[in-house]
Amino acid sequence: IVLLERGEPARQNLEALRRSVEDRTESVIVTDTGTNSPGTALILNGAGDILYERSANPEATTLAIEALRTGKSSNSGEYFVELVAPPPALIIFGAGDDTLPLLEFTASLGWHVTIADDRSNLARPERFPQAARVQNLDSALAGLEDAAVIMTHSYEQDRKILSALLAKDMKYIGILGPRRRTEHLIGEIAPGLSLTAAECMARLHTPVGLDLGGHSPAAIALAIAAELQAVFAGREARKL
């Protein structure tokens, strides 16, 4: 069955999709599938405000609010409730050549990827056309994204970045380099965060990536992207 709509319902559906990708805000679209007049019944934004309503419908409203609460779509038979969530947001700290494969992998998954580096000769939008944004470190650290991968190859920059990220509530923080190097960094910054070194290390993926083998930039990027995908999907990254 294919549902075709036009006019205001179609426009508001497209607007919900635009907000998800560009503004990174979620919406809920409730489609009436159980009557003789199927179509979009209700659209709410992430705050629960009505963006579109065909007619007053308490049941549709209840289902939409439940989708916002649980973060899940549903199908009651009478209504299809779709949670339109923004794609995962990733900051890659570092604008060296080895970040390019990781950007390609994650952008191809539809993620919202930011490249952050203070080296203006490298952090240029034309070098990273697949990135949603290219920023300096301070601008990137001022925001809050879902995940971050640190690949600056600079001890001082890594210390600054880790100090900021470990104070945030993030789904994933990975850092390139030997675990011993990371432990040394954590030993320096943990006291200033009022955290133990063990608590800091527990929040990190270090060394970053799954053990897939290979040492080329592309192989390392694949290992990192695979681990990120597993974390976002809530999977253990084991064989099917």
Protein backbone atom coordinates (compact mmCIF):
# COMPACT_ATOMS: atom_id res chain seq x y z
CA ILE A 1 0.00 0.00 0.00
CA VAL A 2 1.34 3.41 -0.96
CA LEU A 3 -0.03 6.59 0.62
CA LEU A 4 0.18 9.73 -1.48
CA GLU A 5 -0.54 13.09 0.11
CA ARG A 6 -0.39 16.66 -1.07
CA GLY A 7 -0.99 20.12 0.29
CA GLU A 8 -0.39 20.96 3.95
CA PRO A 9 0.06 17.36 5.23
CA ALA A 10 2.76 16.70 2.64
CA ARG A 11 4.47 20.02 3.33
CA GLN A 12 4.56 19.38 7.08
CA ASN A 13 5.92 15.85 6.59
CA LEU A 14 8.77 17.23 4.49
CA GLU A 15 9.36 19.99 7.04
CA ALA A 16 9.67 17.38 9.82
CA LEU A 17 12.30 15.55 7.77
CA ARG A 18 14.15 18.81 7.09
CA ARG A 19 14.20 19.72 10.79
CA SER A 20 15.58 16.30 11.63
CA VAL A 21 18.54 16.58 9.25
CA GLU A 22 19.31 20.30 9.27
CA ASP A 23 18.12 21.52 12.68
CA ARG A 24 18.72 18.20 14.49
CA THR A 25 15.33 18.23 16.20
CA GLU A 26 12.96 15.29 16.46
CA SER A 27 9.30 15.07 15.48
CA VAL A 28 6.53 12.48 15.61
CA ILE A 29 4.30 11.83 12.60
CA VAL A 30 1.05 9.94 13.27
CA THR A 31 -0.59 8.46 10.20
CA ASP A 32 -4.19 7.23 10.27
CA THR A 33 -4.20 3.78 8.63
CA GLY A 34 -7.41 2.33 9.96
CA THR A 35 -10.18 4.46 8.46
CA ASN A 36 -11.64 5.15 5.03
CA SER A 37 -9.71 8.43 4.92
CA PRO A 38 -6.09 7.50 5.67
CA GLY A 39 -3.41 10.12 5.91
CA THR A 40 -1.40 12.25 8.29
CA ALA A 41 -3.43 12.81 11.44
CA LEU A 42 -0.94 14.63 13.66
CA ILE A 43 2.64 15.94 13.76
CA LEU A 44 4.29 16.98 17.03
CA ASN A 45 7.74 18.47 17.54
CA GLY A 46 10.15 17.24 20.19
CA ALA A 47 8.63 19.55 22.80
CA GLY A 48 5.16 18.13 22.20
CA ASP A 49 3.86 21.17 20.30
CA ILE A 50 1.37 20.53 17.51
CA LEU A 51 2.82 21.30 14.08
CA TYR A 52 -0.08 19.80 12.15
CA GLU A 53 -3.42 18.30 13.17
CA ARG A 54 -6.12 17.15 10.79
CA SER A 55 -8.72 17.22 13.56
CA ALA A 56 -8.77 16.88 17.34
CA ASN A 57 -7.73 13.31 18.12
CA PRO A 58 -6.86 12.41 21.72
CA GLU A 59 -5.75 8.87 20.81
CA ALA A 60 -3.29 10.10 18.19
CA THR A 61 -1.94 12.68 20.63
CA THR A 62 -1.43 10.05 23.35
CA LEU A 63 0.42 7.77 20.94
CA ALA A 64 2.64 10.61 19.74
CA ILE A 65 3.58 11.68 23.26
CA GLU A 66 4.39 8.06 24.13
CA ALA A 67 6.72 7.87 21.12
CA LEU A 68 8.54 10.97 22.34
CA ARG A 69 8.83 9.50 25.83
CA THR A 70 10.13 6.10 24.75
CA GLY A 71 12.07 7.21 21.68
CA LYS A 72 10.39 4.48 19.61
CA SER A 73 8.02 4.28 16.65
CA SER A 74 4.94 2.02 16.88
CA ASN A 75 2.05 0.60 14.91
CA SER A 76 -1.27 0.09 16.68
CA GLY A 77 -3.13 -1.13 13.61
CA GLU A 78 -5.18 2.04 13.56
CA TYR A 79 -2.24 4.42 13.59
CA PHE A 80 1.35 4.26 12.42
CA VAL A 81 3.46 6.40 14.74
CA GLU A 82 6.86 7.35 13.35
CA LEU A 83 9.51 9.00 15.46
CA VAL A 84 11.63 11.14 13.14
CA ALA A 85 14.90 11.44 15.03
CA PRO A 86 17.99 13.35 13.91
CA PRO A 87 20.89 11.27 12.60
CA PRO A 88 23.78 10.55 14.97
CA ALA A 89 26.13 13.50 15.38
CA LEU A 90 29.86 12.90 15.42
CA ILE A 91 32.78 15.27 15.95
CA ILE A 92 36.10 14.17 14.53
CA PHE A 93 38.85 16.12 16.26
CA GLY A 94 41.71 16.41 13.82
CA ALA A 95 41.93 17.47 10.20
CA GLY A 96 44.82 15.34 9.03
CA ASP A 97 44.65 13.04 6.04
CA ASP A 98 43.79 10.04 8.24
CA THR A 99 40.45 11.62 9.17
CA LEU A 100 39.25 11.56 5.56
CA PRO A 101 38.40 7.82 5.44
CA LEU A 102 36.50 8.05 8.74
CA LEU A 103 34.53 11.00 7.43
CA GLU A 104 33.70 9.06 4.27
CA PHE A 105 32.49 6.01 6.19
CA THR A 106 30.37 7.92 8.70
CA ALA A 107 28.95 10.41 6.20
CA SER A 108 27.89 7.49 3.99
CA LEU A 109 25.89 6.20 6.98
CA GLY A 110 23.98 9.47 6.98
CA TRP A 111 25.54 10.86 10.14
CA HIS A 112 25.97 14.56 10.89
CA VAL A 113 29.78 14.89 11.01
CA THR A 114 31.81 17.87 12.21
CA ILE A 115 35.55 18.22 11.61
CA ALA A 116 37.32 20.26 14.30
CA ASP A 117 40.91 21.48 14.28
CA ASP A 118 42.75 24.71 15.09
CA ARG A 119 45.06 24.31 12.10
CA SER A 120 43.37 26.64 9.63
CA ASN A 121 45.52 25.40 6.76
CA LEU A 122 43.95 21.94 7.21
CA ALA A 123 40.50 22.70 8.64
CA ARG A 124 39.01 24.00 5.42
CA PRO A 125 35.50 23.11 4.16
CA GLU A 126 36.79 22.38 0.67
CA ARG A 127 39.01 19.61 2.10
CA PHE A 128 36.01 17.98 3.78
CA PRO A 129 33.00 18.39 1.44
CA GLN A 130 31.12 15.56 3.15
CA ALA A 131 31.31 17.23 6.57
CA ALA A 132 28.29 19.11 7.85
CA ARG A 133 30.62 21.60 9.54
CA VAL A 134 34.31 22.42 9.77
CA GLN A 135 35.15 24.30 12.98
CA ASN A 136 37.96 25.29 15.30
CA LEU A 137 38.31 23.45 18.61
CA ASP A 138 36.62 26.05 20.81
CA SER A 139 33.53 26.21 18.59
CA ALA A 140 33.23 22.43 18.47
CA LEU A 141 33.74 22.01 22.21
CA ALA A 142 31.06 24.60 22.95
CA GLY A 143 28.42 22.29 21.49
CA LEU A 144 27.19 18.89 22.60
CA GLU A 145 27.11 16.03 20.14
CA ASP A 146 26.43 12.30 20.47
CA ALA A 147 29.96 11.09 19.88
CA ALA A 148 33.54 12.20 19.37
CA VAL A 149 36.69 10.65 18.00
CA ILE A 150 40.00 12.32 18.86
CA MET A 151 42.71 11.97 16.21
CA THR A 152 44.73 15.16 16.45
CA HIS A 153 48.10 13.44 17.09
CA SER A 154 48.81 16.35 19.47
CA TYR A 155 49.27 15.67 23.19
CA GLU A 156 48.35 19.21 24.20
CA GLN A 157 45.26 19.33 22.02
CA ASP A 158 44.14 15.91 23.21
CA ARG A 159 44.44 17.03 26.83
CA LYS A 160 42.29 20.10 26.15
CA ILE A 161 39.70 18.08 24.23
CA LEU A 162 39.48 15.26 26.78
CA SER A 163 39.10 17.73 29.65
CA ALA A 164 36.06 19.23 27.91
CA LEU A 165 34.48 16.02 26.62
CA LEU A 166 34.72 14.02 29.85
CA ALA A 167 32.64 16.71 31.56
CA LYS A 168 29.84 16.15 29.03
CA ASP A 169 27.21 13.44 28.75
CA MET A 170 28.20 11.75 25.51
CA LYS A 171 27.36 8.35 24.08
CA TYR A 172 30.84 7.68 22.76
CA ILE A 173 34.32 9.17 23.19
CA GLY A 174 37.16 7.46 21.37
CA ILE A 175 40.80 8.45 21.23
CA LEU A 176 43.45 7.30 18.80
CA GLY A 177 46.78 6.16 20.18
CA PRO A 178 48.23 3.65 22.66
CA ARG A 179 46.30 3.05 25.87
CA ARG A 180 49.36 3.98 27.95
CA ARG A 181 49.41 7.44 26.36
CA THR A 182 45.73 7.89 27.17
CA GLU A 183 46.28 6.77 30.76
CA HIS A 184 49.02 9.38 31.11
CA LEU A 185 46.66 12.07 29.78
CA ILE A 186 43.90 10.99 32.16
CA GLY A 187 46.27 11.05 35.09
CA GLU A 188 46.88 14.73 34.39
CA ILE A 189 43.29 15.87 33.86
CA ALA A 190 41.19 13.64 36.15
CA PRO A 191 41.85 15.66 39.35
CA GLY A 192 40.51 18.80 37.70
CA LEU A 193 37.29 16.99 36.76
CA SER A 194 36.66 15.63 40.27
CA LEU A 195 36.74 12.15 38.78
CA THR A 196 39.02 9.22 39.41
CA ALA A 197 41.28 8.00 36.64
CA ALA A 198 39.27 4.76 36.53
CA GLU A 199 36.01 6.68 36.07
CA CYS A 200 37.52 8.66 33.20
CA MET A 201 38.91 5.57 31.50
CA ALA A 202 35.53 3.84 31.79
CA ARG A 203 34.02 6.61 29.66
CA LEU A 204 36.56 6.19 26.89
CA HIS A 205 37.02 3.79 24.01
CA THR A 206 40.78 3.41 23.99
CA PRO A 207 42.40 2.31 21.85
CA VAL A 208 39.56 3.42 19.60
CA GLY A 209 37.89 0.95 17.23
CA LEU A 210 37.18 -2.77 16.96
CA ASP A 211 39.92 -5.34 16.49
CA LEU A 212 39.44 -5.91 12.77
CA GLY A 213 43.11 -6.04 11.78
CA GLY A 214 44.93 -3.74 9.39
CA HIS A 215 47.01 -0.63 9.95
CA SER A 216 46.20 1.56 6.96
CA PRO A 217 44.16 4.76 7.49
CA ALA A 218 41.18 3.14 5.75
CA ALA A 219 41.38 -0.01 7.91
CA ILE A 220 41.63 2.06 11.09
CA ALA A 221 38.68 4.22 9.96
CA LEU A 222 36.62 1.09 9.26
CA ALA A 223 37.37 -0.26 12.74
CA ILE A 224 36.32 3.04 14.33
CA ALA A 225 33.15 3.38 12.23
CA ALA A 226 32.18 -0.20 13.03
CA GLU A 227 32.55 0.40 16.76
CA LEU A 228 30.54 3.62 16.52
CA GLN A 229 27.77 1.85 14.62
CA ALA A 230 27.63 -0.91 17.23
CA VAL A 231 27.41 1.61 20.08
CA PHE A 232 24.67 3.65 18.39
CA ALA A 233 22.70 0.48 17.59
CA GLY A 234 23.17 -0.99 21.06
CA ARG A 235 24.88 -4.09 19.69
CA GLU A 236 27.87 -6.11 20.88
CA ALA A 237 29.57 -6.27 17.47
CA ARG A 238 29.69 -10.07 17.40
CA LYS A 239 29.19 -12.47 14.48
CA LEU A 240 25.63 -12.87 13.21
